[in-house]
């Protein structure tokens, strides 16, 4: 599972839109969509914002490991 699929699953499980996820994590609107094709990947800084916004470890976001 890539980062985009992990975010989509998280959003589905938590009944939130990707826009709400981006806002919660303080990342730019449309950022997650850029990861859909795999041509773009999040930076470490962005992953840290996601970790801070969700409270879930980086290892989950980069590899699906809790």
Foldseek 3Di string as FASTA:
>chain_A
DALLVLLVVVCVVVVHDVQVLCVLLVHDPCPSVVPVVVPDDDDPVSLVSSCVSPVDDSCCNGPVDD
